[in-house]
Amino acid sequence: FPIPPLGRKDTDQADGNMLQGTSVPEIVARLYKMGFIARDIAALGIYFPGAEDLDSIESQLMEVDDKIKGAVKSGIQSRKTVTQNAYQVNVGEAYLKLVTFGQSKVDPLAYYYPAAKLDLKKVKL
């Protein structure tokens, strides 16, 4: 699935360079300090500098922490499935947490519309 870019849309340049030259353990330490959990950090690996080689980033993440190692393995396993549901949900939740960090609580469910109820009496089988 397409990875949304990090950075502000109202600027000429994205803020993606702020992590250039930062090692994976340093990024992990920052994310832990910000309150992210291992699953979030593993999912956000796609945004780390050098993430074009995701295998390399994930192997570095697995060396940092056993909890992250388990989350990375889970993400790899999910990507091997047809739907990749768990991986995509983890990336989406971690991305939302990252882009709303420091803001007041954002309720993503407030933007969903309720599904129309199915009237089984009208269904012809």
Protein backbone atom coordinates (compact mmCIF):
# COMPACT_ATOMS: atom_id res chain seq x y z
CA PHE A 1 0.00 0.00 0.00
CA PRO A 2 1.23 3.54 -0.60
CA ILE A 3 3.07 5.05 2.35
CA PRO A 4 1.92 8.59 3.13
CA PRO A 5 4.80 11.07 3.31
CA LEU A 6 5.81 12.70 6.56
CA GLY A 7 6.00 16.46 6.64
CA ARG A 8 3.75 19.46 6.26
CA LYS A 9 1.80 20.10 3.09
CA ASP A 10 1.97 23.88 3.56
CA THR A 11 5.74 24.05 3.09
CA ASP A 12 7.98 23.74 0.07
CA GLN A 13 10.03 20.98 1.66
CA ALA A 14 8.98 18.03 3.79
CA ASP A 15 10.47 17.72 7.25
CA GLY A 16 11.75 14.23 6.41
CA ASN A 17 15.41 15.25 6.61
CA MET A 18 15.25 15.82 10.35
CA LEU A 19 16.13 12.17 10.95
CA GLN A 20 18.94 11.93 8.40
CA GLY A 21 22.14 10.82 10.05
CA THR A 22 20.29 9.48 13.08
CA SER A 23 20.87 5.82 13.94
CA VAL A 24 18.05 3.34 14.41
CA PRO A 25 18.75 2.94 18.17
CA GLU A 26 18.62 6.74 18.59
CA ILE A 27 15.27 6.94 16.78
CA VAL A 28 13.92 4.06 18.86
CA ALA A 29 15.03 5.79 22.07
CA ARG A 30 13.28 9.01 20.98
CA LEU A 31 10.08 7.17 20.12
CA TYR A 32 10.08 5.30 23.44
CA LYS A 33 10.59 8.62 25.23
CA MET A 34 7.58 10.02 23.34
CA GLY A 35 5.42 7.14 24.60
CA PHE A 36 5.37 4.88 21.57
CA ILE A 37 5.22 1.12 22.15
CA ALA A 38 7.23 -1.59 20.40
CA ARG A 39 4.47 -2.34 17.87
CA ASP A 40 4.30 1.34 16.88
CA ILE A 41 8.07 1.61 16.53
CA ALA A 42 8.25 -1.51 14.37
CA ALA A 43 5.47 -0.18 12.13
CA LEU A 44 7.12 3.25 11.83
CA GLY A 45 10.30 1.61 10.54
CA ILE A 46 9.03 2.38 7.03
CA TYR A 47 9.74 6.07 7.76
CA PHE A 48 13.26 5.63 9.13
CA PRO A 49 16.17 6.95 7.04
CA GLY A 50 17.20 4.20 4.65
CA ALA A 51 13.78 2.54 4.74
CA GLU A 52 14.06 1.88 1.00
CA ASP A 53 15.87 -1.22 2.28
CA LEU A 54 13.22 -2.19 4.82
CA ASP A 55 14.88 -5.55 5.51
CA SER A 56 17.98 -3.74 6.76
CA ILE A 57 15.97 -1.36 8.96
CA GLU A 58 13.96 -4.25 10.40
CA SER A 59 17.09 -6.27 11.18
CA GLN A 60 18.51 -3.22 12.99
CA LEU A 61 15.24 -2.81 14.90
CA MET A 62 15.31 -6.46 15.98
CA GLU A 63 18.75 -5.94 17.50
CA VAL A 64 17.58 -3.04 19.68
CA ASP A 65 14.90 -4.68 21.79
CA ASP A 66 13.21 -8.08 22.20
CA LYS A 67 9.73 -6.52 22.23
CA ILE A 68 10.45 -4.73 18.97
CA LYS A 69 11.89 -7.97 17.59
CA GLY A 70 8.55 -9.71 18.21
CA ALA A 71 6.62 -6.82 16.64
CA VAL A 72 8.87 -6.83 13.56
CA LYS A 73 8.44 -10.59 13.14
CA SER A 74 4.68 -10.15 13.42
CA GLY A 75 4.75 -7.40 10.78
CA ILE A 76 6.83 -9.54 8.43
CA GLN A 77 4.43 -12.44 8.88
CA SER A 78 1.43 -10.19 8.21
CA ARG A 79 3.01 -8.80 5.02
CA LYS A 80 3.34 -12.37 3.73
CA THR A 81 -0.43 -12.86 3.92
CA VAL A 82 -2.75 -11.83 1.11
CA THR A 83 -4.55 -9.09 3.05
CA GLN A 84 -1.70 -7.75 5.22
CA ASN A 85 -4.38 -6.53 7.65
CA ALA A 86 -2.41 -6.56 10.90
CA TYR A 87 0.58 -4.79 9.35
CA GLN A 88 -1.53 -2.11 7.68
CA VAL A 89 -3.55 -1.47 10.84
CA ASN A 90 -0.35 -1.15 12.89
CA VAL A 91 1.18 1.28 10.39
CA GLY A 92 -2.03 3.32 10.28
CA GLU A 93 -2.37 3.53 14.05
CA ALA A 94 1.31 4.39 14.56
CA TYR A 95 1.16 7.01 11.79
CA LEU A 96 -1.91 8.62 13.37
CA LYS A 97 -0.19 8.62 16.76
CA LEU A 98 2.91 10.23 15.24
CA VAL A 99 1.17 12.96 13.25
CA THR A 100 -1.12 13.90 16.14
CA PHE A 101 1.60 13.76 18.81
CA GLY A 102 1.34 16.69 21.18
CA GLN A 103 -2.14 17.65 20.01
CA SER A 104 -5.31 17.31 22.00
CA LYS A 105 -6.96 13.91 21.82
CA VAL A 106 -8.07 13.02 18.32
CA ASP A 107 -10.88 10.51 18.01
CA PRO A 108 -10.51 8.86 14.60
CA LEU A 109 -13.83 7.06 15.07
CA ALA A 110 -15.58 10.44 15.01
CA TYR A 111 -14.89 10.54 11.27
CA TYR A 112 -16.55 7.23 10.47
CA TYR A 113 -20.10 6.96 9.29
CA PRO A 114 -22.28 4.23 10.76
CA ALA A 115 -23.02 1.41 8.37
CA ALA A 116 -26.61 1.09 7.28
CA LYS A 117 -28.43 -1.65 9.14
CA LEU A 118 -29.29 -4.66 7.09
CA ASP A 119 -33.00 -5.52 7.10
CA LEU A 120 -33.05 -9.29 6.78
CA LYS A 121 -36.76 -9.21 5.92
CA LYS A 122 -35.94 -7.50 2.63
CA VAL A 123 -33.24 -9.98 1.65
CA LYS A 124 -34.39 -12.60 -0.85
CA LEU A 125 -32.56 -15.87 -0.78
